[in-house]
């Protein structure tokens, strides 16, 4: 596979998948501390993504047991 093929494959990933992978990496690398409170908006800003892909990534990671989600809307 050439570099061009690799770049095209990465570009073909849906945004929600890229956000999921990036958020998962933050957890695995310890850049998100266990128990640290974060917001969807804060994660969206940090990952340069929209709110919907961040919500989807949170749902997936919660289902996998990688994080806990508390809906604290006011």
C-alpha atoms as a PDB file:
ATOM      1  CA  UNK A   1       0.000   0.000   0.000  1.00  0.00           C
ATOM      2  CA  UNK A   2       1.376   3.427  -0.927  1.00  0.00           C
ATOM      3  CA  UNK A   3       1.257   6.534   1.243  1.00  0.00           C
ATOM      4  CA  UNK A   4      -1.482   7.872  -1.002  1.00  0.00           C
ATOM      5  CA  UNK A   5      -3.551   4.741  -0.383  1.00  0.00           C
ATOM      6  CA  UNK A   6      -2.983   5.066   3.366  1.00  0.00           C
ATOM      7  CA  UNK A   7      -4.050   8.715   3.362  1.00  0.00           C
ATOM      8  CA  UNK A   8      -7.158   7.925   1.333  1.00  0.00           C
ATOM      9  CA  UNK A   9      -8.084   5.119   3.740  1.00  0.00           C
ATOM     10  CA  UNK A  10      -7.757   7.422   6.751  1.00  0.00           C
ATOM     11  CA  UNK A  11      -9.754  10.139   5.020  1.00  0.00           C
ATOM     12  CA  UNK A  12     -12.501   7.628   4.256  1.00  0.00           C
ATOM     13  CA  UNK A  13     -13.157   6.993   7.965  1.00  0.00           C
ATOM     14  CA  UNK A  14     -16.336   8.616   9.268  1.00  0.00           C
ATOM     15  CA  UNK A  15     -15.798  11.505  11.665  1.00  0.00           C
ATOM     16  CA  UNK A  16     -17.424   9.612  14.543  1.00  0.00           C
ATOM     17  CA  UNK A  17     -14.885   6.787  14.097  1.00  0.00           C
ATOM     18  CA  UNK A  18     -11.943   9.194  14.126  1.00  0.00           C
ATOM     19  CA  UNK A  19     -13.295  10.889  17.262  1.00  0.00           C
ATOM     20  CA  UNK A  20     -13.837   7.481  18.895  1.00  0.00           C
ATOM     21  CA  UNK A  21     -10.252   6.447  18.146  1.00  0.00           C
ATOM     22  CA  UNK A  22      -8.847   9.774  19.369  1.00  0.00           C
ATOM     23  CA  UNK A  23     -10.875   9.730  22.594  1.00  0.00           C
ATOM     24  CA  UNK A  24      -9.952   6.096  23.217  1.00  0.00           C
ATOM     25  CA  UNK A  25      -6.277   7.014  22.744  1.00  0.00           C
ATOM     26  CA  UNK A  26      -6.605   9.860  25.287  1.00  0.00           C
ATOM     27  CA  UNK A  27      -7.958   7.344  27.796  1.00  0.00           C
ATOM     28  CA  UNK A  28      -5.364   4.662  27.069  1.00  0.00           C
ATOM     29  CA  UNK A  29      -2.465   7.128  27.165  1.00  0.00           C
ATOM     30  CA  UNK A  30      -3.630   8.523  30.498  1.00  0.00           C
ATOM     31  CA  UNK A  31      -4.299  11.998  29.137  1.00  0.00           C
ATOM     32  CA  UNK A  32      -7.769  11.788  30.672  1.00  0.00           C
ATOM     33  CA  UNK A  33      -7.368  11.073  34.365  1.00  0.00           C
ATOM     34  CA  UNK A  34      -9.767   8.531  35.934  1.00  0.00           C
ATOM     35  CA  UNK A  35     -12.534  10.435  37.692  1.00  0.00           C
ATOM     36  CA  UNK A  36     -11.765  13.651  35.817  1.00  0.00           C
ATOM     37  CA  UNK A  37     -14.932  15.552  34.981  1.00  0.00           C
ATOM     38  CA  UNK A  38     -15.143  16.568  31.340  1.00  0.00           C
ATOM     39  CA  UNK A  39     -17.925  17.986  29.215  1.00  0.00           C
ATOM     40  CA  UNK A  40     -19.058  17.025  25.758  1.00  0.00           C
ATOM     41  CA  UNK A  41     -18.352  20.599  24.655  1.00  0.00           C
ATOM     42  CA  UNK A  42     -14.877  20.458  26.190  1.00  0.00           C
ATOM     43  CA  UNK A  43     -14.074  17.189  24.446  1.00  0.00           C
ATOM     44  CA  UNK A  44     -15.452  18.526  21.162  1.00  0.00           C
ATOM     45  CA  UNK A  45     -13.152  21.532  21.435  1.00  0.00           C
ATOM     46  CA  UNK A  46     -10.164  19.408  22.449  1.00  0.00           C
ATOM     47  CA  UNK A  47     -10.721  16.976  19.562  1.00  0.00           C
ATOM     48  CA  UNK A  48     -11.739  19.665  17.040  1.00  0.00           C
ATOM     49  CA  UNK A  49     -14.986  17.835  16.398  1.00  0.00           C
ATOM     50  CA  UNK A  50     -18.706  18.403  16.542  1.00  0.00           C
ATOM     51  CA  UNK A  51     -20.912  17.462  19.461  1.00  0.00           C
ATOM     52  CA  UNK A  52     -22.641  14.551  17.712  1.00  0.00           C
ATOM     53  CA  UNK A  53     -19.469  12.557  16.923  1.00  0.00           C
ATOM     54  CA  UNK A  54     -18.277  13.130  20.499  1.00  0.00           C
ATOM     55  CA  UNK A  55     -21.592  11.865  21.890  1.00  0.00           C
ATOM     56  CA  UNK A  56     -21.351   8.768  19.694  1.00  0.00           C
ATOM     57  CA  UNK A  57     -17.786   8.092  20.856  1.00  0.00           C
ATOM     58  CA  UNK A  58     -18.872   8.487  24.485  1.00  0.00           C
ATOM     59  CA  UNK A  59     -21.738   6.031  23.946  1.00  0.00           C
ATOM     60  CA  UNK A  60     -19.383   3.456  22.454  1.00  0.00           C
ATOM     61  CA  UNK A  61     -16.721   3.849  25.123  1.00  0.00           C
ATOM     62  CA  UNK A  62     -19.344   3.686  27.878  1.00  0.00           C
ATOM     63  CA  UNK A  63     -20.738   0.468  26.381  1.00  0.00           C
ATOM     64  CA  UNK A  64     -17.201  -0.954  26.321  1.00  0.00           C
ATOM     65  CA  UNK A  65     -16.685  -0.009  29.973  1.00  0.00           C
ATOM     66  CA  UNK A  66     -13.848   2.371  29.130  1.00  0.00           C
ATOM     67  CA  UNK A  67     -15.570   5.341  30.780  1.00  0.00           C
ATOM     68  CA  UNK A  68     -18.588   6.336  32.827  1.00  0.00           C
ATOM     69  CA  UNK A  69     -21.042   8.948  31.647  1.00  0.00           C
ATOM     70  CA  UNK A  70     -23.213  11.060  33.945  1.00  0.00           C
ATOM     71  CA  UNK A  71     -25.800  13.253  32.287  1.00  0.00           C
ATOM     72  CA  UNK A  72     -25.736  16.339  34.490  1.00  0.00           C
ATOM     73  CA  UNK A  73     -27.880  18.676  32.436  1.00  0.00           C
ATOM     74  CA  UNK A  74     -29.264  21.615  34.315  1.00  0.00           C
END
